[in-house]
Amino acid sequence: MKKESVINTKKAIVAALFFGAVSFGYAQTENSAAETVATTQVQGTQQNPAIEALKKQIETNPNDTDAIVKLATAYQDAKDWNNALLTWKKMSTLLPDWAPSYYSQAYVYQTMKDDANAKTAYEKYIAAVKPEEVEANKKNLAYAHFFVAYKLQETDKELAKQQIAKSLVYDATNEEAVKLSTFLNQ
């Protein structure tokens, strides 16, 4: 894949994920409702012609990273979180130093209410962002550090303070991060 194509794909994924950022207010659902939704999601993705075409394209060329990113995004659009996660993981296996795949995994884990794995994936994202990519990733880095700080606040307050400070370096206007910083520094 051409470098320009990777960069454009990275920018598109990062922008799409950031603007579709998730909040911390999760609704509680019963297992039967979750199972119904999961069944509906799988049925919807199996009948999605775009997903089927991308799957065939990847069968033909398993290393087609453009198609893999498009498939993962299509699964996310269809709210098929399990397949989205598997596809993002495949992407991070093919391009282990491509930070957006970890951010995308974190987003999916967070959407699935798996905060422990979301935190781990955000930490991998933070570590994978190269110095020359920091400027283009400031908003996502701010959110990733915020999420990690939020999850650490009860178990490691000092590390949480460090994470929230980094978040505010990247985005000092994030009201939730400012509130968390104030709370942690009381």
C-alpha atoms as a PDB file:
ATOM      1  CA  MET A   1       0.000   0.000   0.000  1.00  0.00           C
ATOM      2  CA  LYS A   2       1.289   3.450  -0.777  1.00  0.00           C
ATOM      3  CA  LYS A   3       2.386   5.565   2.171  1.00  0.00           C
ATOM      4  CA  GLU A   4       0.069   8.405   1.098  1.00  0.00           C
ATOM      5  CA  SER A   5      -2.886   6.027   1.125  1.00  0.00           C
ATOM      6  CA  VAL A   6      -1.952   4.820   4.632  1.00  0.00           C
ATOM      7  CA  ILE A   7      -1.684   8.402   5.868  1.00  0.00           C
ATOM      8  CA  ASN A   8      -5.051   9.375   4.351  1.00  0.00           C
ATOM      9  CA  THR A   9      -6.650   6.245   5.787  1.00  0.00           C
ATOM     10  CA  LYS A  10      -5.110   6.997   9.189  1.00  0.00           C
ATOM     11  CA  LYS A  11      -6.488  10.529   9.152  1.00  0.00           C
ATOM     12  CA  ALA A  12      -9.946   9.368   8.134  1.00  0.00           C
ATOM     13  CA  ILE A  13     -10.098   6.659  10.796  1.00  0.00           C
ATOM     14  CA  VAL A  14      -8.757   8.893  13.534  1.00  0.00           C
ATOM     15  CA  ALA A  15     -11.193  11.679  12.647  1.00  0.00           C
ATOM     16  CA  ALA A  16     -14.143   9.300  12.436  1.00  0.00           C
ATOM     17  CA  LEU A  17     -13.305   7.695  15.739  1.00  0.00           C
ATOM     18  CA  PHE A  18     -12.734  10.935  17.572  1.00  0.00           C
ATOM     19  CA  PHE A  19     -15.922  12.564  16.397  1.00  0.00           C
ATOM     20  CA  GLY A  20     -17.781   9.415  17.336  1.00  0.00           C
ATOM     21  CA  ALA A  21     -16.146   9.348  20.773  1.00  0.00           C
ATOM     22  CA  VAL A  22     -18.019   7.542  23.460  1.00  0.00           C
ATOM     23  CA  SER A  23     -19.034   8.843  26.847  1.00  0.00           C
ATOM     24  CA  PHE A  24     -18.678   7.258  30.234  1.00  0.00           C
ATOM     25  CA  GLY A  25     -22.405   7.022  30.938  1.00  0.00           C
ATOM     26  CA  TYR A  26     -23.266   3.421  30.200  1.00  0.00           C
ATOM     27  CA  ALA A  27     -26.781   2.103  30.354  1.00  0.00           C
ATOM     28  CA  GLN A  28     -27.314  -1.184  32.098  1.00  0.00           C
ATOM     29  CA  THR A  29     -28.869  -3.878  29.935  1.00  0.00           C
ATOM     30  CA  GLU A  30     -30.105  -7.354  30.624  1.00  0.00           C
ATOM     31  CA  ASN A  31     -28.443 -10.355  29.021  1.00  0.00           C
ATOM     32  CA  SER A  32     -31.512 -11.253  26.988  1.00  0.00           C
ATOM     33  CA  ALA A  33     -31.628  -7.770  25.467  1.00  0.00           C
ATOM     34  CA  ALA A  34     -27.887  -7.885  24.703  1.00  0.00           C
ATOM     35  CA  GLU A  35     -28.271 -11.317  23.075  1.00  0.00           C
ATOM     36  CA  THR A  36     -31.115 -10.038  20.888  1.00  0.00           C
ATOM     37  CA  VAL A  37     -29.045  -7.060  19.797  1.00  0.00           C
ATOM     38  CA  ALA A  38     -26.027  -9.294  19.069  1.00  0.00           C
ATOM     39  CA  THR A  39     -28.146 -11.652  16.964  1.00  0.00           C
ATOM     40  CA  THR A  40     -29.621  -8.720  15.042  1.00  0.00           C
ATOM     41  CA  GLN A  41     -26.136  -7.275  14.473  1.00  0.00           C
ATOM     42  CA  VAL A  42     -24.763 -10.525  13.074  1.00  0.00           C
ATOM     43  CA  GLN A  43     -27.784 -10.961  10.813  1.00  0.00           C
ATOM     44  CA  GLY A  44     -27.419  -7.360   9.611  1.00  0.00           C
ATOM     45  CA  THR A  45     -23.729  -7.716   8.765  1.00  0.00           C
ATOM     46  CA  GLN A  46     -24.259 -11.038   6.997  1.00  0.00           C
ATOM     47  CA  GLN A  47     -26.693  -9.306   4.655  1.00  0.00           C
ATOM     48  CA  ASN A  48     -24.558  -6.196   4.152  1.00  0.00           C
ATOM     49  CA  PRO A  49     -23.267  -6.221   0.547  1.00  0.00           C
ATOM     50  CA  ALA A  50     -20.393  -3.839   1.339  1.00  0.00           C
ATOM     51  CA  ILE A  51     -19.155  -6.078   4.154  1.00  0.00           C
ATOM     52  CA  GLU A  52     -19.480  -9.180   2.007  1.00  0.00           C
ATOM     53  CA  ALA A  53     -17.550  -7.538  -0.848  1.00  0.00           C
ATOM     54  CA  LEU A  54     -14.779  -6.454   1.515  1.00  0.00           C
ATOM     55  CA  LYS A  55     -14.577  -9.943   3.040  1.00  0.00           C
ATOM     56  CA  LYS A  56     -14.156 -11.430  -0.450  1.00  0.00           C
ATOM     57  CA  GLN A  57     -11.526  -8.821  -1.288  1.00  0.00           C
ATOM     58  CA  ILE A  58      -9.594  -9.759   1.862  1.00  0.00           C
ATOM     59  CA  GLU A  59      -9.938 -13.477   1.087  1.00  0.00           C
ATOM     60  CA  THR A  60      -8.227 -12.744  -2.229  1.00  0.00           C
ATOM     61  CA  ASN A  61      -5.525 -10.589  -0.600  1.00  0.00           C
ATOM     62  CA  PRO A  62      -5.303 -11.135   3.189  1.00  0.00           C
ATOM     63  CA  ASN A  63      -2.731  -8.324   3.521  1.00  0.00           C
ATOM     64  CA  ASP A  64      -4.862  -5.622   1.857  1.00  0.00           C
ATOM     65  CA  THR A  65      -4.736  -3.129   4.709  1.00  0.00           C
ATOM     66  CA  ASP A  66      -7.020  -0.651   2.948  1.00  0.00           C
ATOM     67  CA  ALA A  67      -9.734  -3.298   2.691  1.00  0.00           C
ATOM     68  CA  ILE A  68      -9.163  -4.406   6.291  1.00  0.00           C
ATOM     69  CA  VAL A  69      -9.606  -0.845   7.586  1.00  0.00           C
ATOM     70  CA  LYS A  70     -12.731  -0.409   5.470  1.00  0.00           C
ATOM     71  CA  LEU A  71     -14.114  -3.741   6.734  1.00  0.00           C
ATOM     72  CA  ALA A  72     -13.448  -2.861  10.373  1.00  0.00           C
ATOM     73  CA  THR A  73     -15.117   0.503   9.855  1.00  0.00           C
ATOM     74  CA  ALA A  74     -18.078  -1.144   8.111  1.00  0.00           C
ATOM     75  CA  TYR A  75     -18.485  -3.540  11.029  1.00  0.00           C
ATOM     76  CA  GLN A  76     -18.427  -0.576  13.413  1.00  0.00           C
ATOM     77  CA  ASP A  77     -21.027   1.244  11.318  1.00  0.00           C
ATOM     78  CA  ALA A  78     -23.173  -1.892  11.510  1.00  0.00           C
ATOM     79  CA  LYS A  79     -22.517  -2.053  15.274  1.00  0.00           C
ATOM     80  CA  ASP A  80     -21.070  -5.541  14.881  1.00  0.00           C
ATOM     81  CA  TRP A  81     -18.544  -4.980  17.645  1.00  0.00           C
ATOM     82  CA  ASN A  82     -17.105  -8.495  17.824  1.00  0.00           C
ATOM     83  CA  ASN A  83     -16.197  -8.571  14.141  1.00  0.00           C
ATOM     84  CA  ALA A  84     -14.986  -4.972  14.275  1.00  0.00           C
ATOM     85  CA  LEU A  85     -12.649  -5.889  17.123  1.00  0.00           C
ATOM     86  CA  LEU A  86     -11.337  -9.000  15.360  1.00  0.00           C
ATOM     87  CA  THR A  87     -10.708  -6.979  12.211  1.00  0.00           C
ATOM     88  CA  TRP A  88      -8.913  -4.168  14.074  1.00  0.00           C
ATOM     89  CA  LYS A  89      -6.767  -6.800  15.796  1.00  0.00           C
ATOM     90  CA  LYS A  90      -5.887  -8.246  12.411  1.00  0.00           C
ATOM     91  CA  MET A  91      -4.869  -4.761  11.319  1.00  0.00           C
ATOM     92  CA  SER A  92      -2.612  -4.287  14.346  1.00  0.00           C
ATOM     93  CA  THR A  93      -1.010  -7.653  13.609  1.00  0.00           C
ATOM     94  CA  LEU A  94      -0.242  -6.594  10.032  1.00  0.00           C
ATOM     95  CA  LEU A  95       0.888  -3.068  11.024  1.00  0.00           C
ATOM     96  CA  PRO A  96       1.876  -3.262  14.707  1.00  0.00           C
ATOM     97  CA  ASP A  97       3.228   0.293  14.752  1.00  0.00           C
ATOM     98  CA  TRP A  98       0.080   1.862  13.265  1.00  0.00           C
ATOM     99  CA  ALA A  99      -1.441   3.660  16.260  1.00  0.00           C
ATOM    100  CA  PRO A 100      -5.005   4.137  14.923  1.00  0.00           C
ATOM    101  CA  SER A 101      -5.638   0.391  15.037  1.00  0.00           C
ATOM    102  CA  TYR A 102      -5.119   0.450  18.821  1.00  0.00           C
ATOM    103  CA  TYR A 103      -7.302   3.535  19.246  1.00  0.00           C
ATOM    104  CA  SER A 104      -9.988   1.778  17.221  1.00  0.00           C
ATOM    105  CA  GLN A 105      -9.706  -1.347  19.375  1.00  0.00           C
ATOM    106  CA  ALA A 106     -10.041   0.814  22.487  1.00  0.00           C
ATOM    107  CA  TYR A 107     -13.133   2.483  21.028  1.00  0.00           C
ATOM    108  CA  VAL A 108     -14.707  -0.906  20.311  1.00  0.00           C
ATOM    109  CA  TYR A 109     -13.814  -2.311  23.738  1.00  0.00           C
ATOM    110  CA  GLN A 110     -15.241   0.804  25.381  1.00  0.00           C
ATOM    111  CA  THR A 111     -18.422   0.506  23.339  1.00  0.00           C
ATOM    112  CA  MET A 112     -18.660  -3.124  24.454  1.00  0.00           C
ATOM    113  CA  LYS A 113     -18.279  -1.901  28.068  1.00  0.00           C
ATOM    114  CA  ASP A 114     -14.976  -3.754  28.476  1.00  0.00           C
ATOM    115  CA  ASP A 115     -13.118  -0.922  30.192  1.00  0.00           C
ATOM    116  CA  ALA A 116     -10.111  -2.995  31.270  1.00  0.00           C
ATOM    117  CA  ASN A 117      -9.263  -3.952  27.691  1.00  0.00           C
ATOM    118  CA  ALA A 118     -10.161  -0.450  26.497  1.00  0.00           C
ATOM    119  CA  LYS A 119      -7.623   0.989  28.944  1.00  0.00           C
ATOM    120  CA  THR A 120      -4.957  -1.447  27.724  1.00  0.00           C
ATOM    121  CA  ALA A 121      -5.682  -0.598  24.083  1.00  0.00           C
ATOM    122  CA  TYR A 122      -5.562   3.161  24.804  1.00  0.00           C
ATOM    123  CA  GLU A 123      -2.197   2.626  26.492  1.00  0.00           C
ATOM    124  CA  LYS A 124      -0.951   0.775  23.391  1.00  0.00           C
ATOM    125  CA  TYR A 125      -2.247   3.635  21.241  1.00  0.00           C
ATOM    126  CA  ILE A 126      -0.409   6.207  23.368  1.00  0.00           C
ATOM    127  CA  ALA A 127       2.812   4.191  23.102  1.00  0.00           C
ATOM    128  CA  ALA A 128       2.430   3.673  19.336  1.00  0.00           C
ATOM    129  CA  VAL A 129       1.993   7.331  18.367  1.00  0.00           C
ATOM    130  CA  LYS A 130       5.293   8.424  16.848  1.00  0.00           C
ATOM    131  CA  PRO A 131       6.738  11.848  17.740  1.00  0.00           C
ATOM    132  CA  GLU A 132       6.094  13.136  14.213  1.00  0.00           C
ATOM    133  CA  GLU A 133       2.435  12.067  14.519  1.00  0.00           C
ATOM    134  CA  VAL A 134       1.699  13.781  17.849  1.00  0.00           C
ATOM    135  CA  GLU A 135       0.414  17.017  16.348  1.00  0.00           C
ATOM    136  CA  ALA A 136      -2.119  15.216  14.140  1.00  0.00           C
ATOM    137  CA  ASN A 137      -3.223  13.009  17.066  1.00  0.00           C
ATOM    138  CA  LYS A 138      -3.562  15.576  19.864  1.00  0.00           C
ATOM    139  CA  LYS A 139      -7.322  15.182  20.378  1.00  0.00           C
ATOM    140  CA  ASN A 140      -7.133  11.394  20.403  1.00  0.00           C
ATOM    141  CA  LEU A 141      -4.098  11.426  22.681  1.00  0.00           C
ATOM    142  CA  ALA A 142      -5.953  13.772  25.027  1.00  0.00           C
ATOM    143  CA  TYR A 143      -8.920  11.408  25.156  1.00  0.00           C
ATOM    144  CA  ALA A 144      -6.734   8.302  25.549  1.00  0.00           C
ATOM    145  CA  HIS A 145      -4.839   9.841  28.479  1.00  0.00           C
ATOM    146  CA  PHE A 146      -8.146  11.030  29.975  1.00  0.00           C
ATOM    147  CA  PHE A 147      -9.648   7.543  29.787  1.00  0.00           C
ATOM    148  CA  VAL A 148      -6.570   5.946  31.334  1.00  0.00           C
ATOM    149  CA  ALA A 149      -6.559   8.570  34.121  1.00  0.00           C
ATOM    150  CA  TYR A 150     -10.270   8.020  34.721  1.00  0.00           C
ATOM    151  CA  LYS A 151      -9.743   4.265  35.085  1.00  0.00           C
ATOM    152  CA  LEU A 152      -6.700   4.726  37.366  1.00  0.00           C
ATOM    153  CA  GLN A 153      -8.203   7.300  39.729  1.00  0.00           C
ATOM    154  CA  GLU A 154      -9.210   4.753  42.359  1.00  0.00           C
ATOM    155  CA  THR A 155      -6.269   2.352  42.086  1.00  0.00           C
ATOM    156  CA  ASP A 156      -3.272   4.623  41.430  1.00  0.00           C
ATOM    157  CA  LYS A 157      -4.053   8.274  42.082  1.00  0.00           C
ATOM    158  CA  GLU A 158      -0.483   9.473  41.357  1.00  0.00           C
ATOM    159  CA  LEU A 159      -0.375   7.774  37.964  1.00  0.00           C
ATOM    160  CA  ALA A 160      -3.873   9.085  37.259  1.00  0.00           C
ATOM    161  CA  LYS A 161      -2.596  12.616  37.981  1.00  0.00           C
ATOM    162  CA  GLN A 162       0.229  12.113  35.485  1.00  0.00           C
ATOM    163  CA  GLN A 163      -2.176  10.822  32.837  1.00  0.00           C
ATOM    164  CA  ILE A 164      -4.663  13.657  33.281  1.00  0.00           C
ATOM    165  CA  ALA A 165      -1.836  16.204  33.140  1.00  0.00           C
ATOM    166  CA  LYS A 166      -0.783  14.735  29.773  1.00  0.00           C
ATOM    167  CA  SER A 167      -4.391  14.835  28.611  1.00  0.00           C
ATOM    168  CA  LEU A 168      -4.603  18.529  29.435  1.00  0.00           C
ATOM    169  CA  VAL A 169      -1.338  19.232  27.605  1.00  0.00           C
ATOM    170  CA  TYR A 170      -2.979  17.899  24.448  1.00  0.00           C
ATOM    171  CA  ASP A 171      -6.387  19.507  25.044  1.00  0.00           C
ATOM    172  CA  ALA A 172      -6.682  22.025  27.849  1.00  0.00           C
ATOM    173  CA  THR A 173     -10.283  22.823  26.836  1.00  0.00           C
ATOM    174  CA  ASN A 174     -11.734  19.386  27.682  1.00  0.00           C
ATOM    175  CA  GLU A 175     -14.119  20.172  30.543  1.00  0.00           C
ATOM    176  CA  GLU A 176     -14.291  16.568  31.753  1.00  0.00           C
ATOM    177  CA  ALA A 177     -10.494  16.359  31.911  1.00  0.00           C
ATOM    178  CA  VAL A 178     -10.339  19.656  33.811  1.00  0.00           C
ATOM    179  CA  LYS A 179     -12.918  18.340  36.303  1.00  0.00           C
ATOM    180  CA  LEU A 180     -11.003  15.098  36.753  1.00  0.00           C
ATOM    181  CA  SER A 181      -7.746  16.997  37.228  1.00  0.00           C
ATOM    182  CA  THR A 182      -9.350  19.205  39.871  1.00  0.00           C
ATOM    183  CA  PHE A 183     -10.772  16.167  41.646  1.00  0.00           C
ATOM    184  CA  LEU A 184      -7.440  14.293  41.573  1.00  0.00           C
ATOM    185  CA  ASN A 185      -5.483  17.280  42.871  1.00  0.00           C
ATOM    186  CA  GLN A 186      -7.706  18.008  45.877  1.00  0.00           C
END
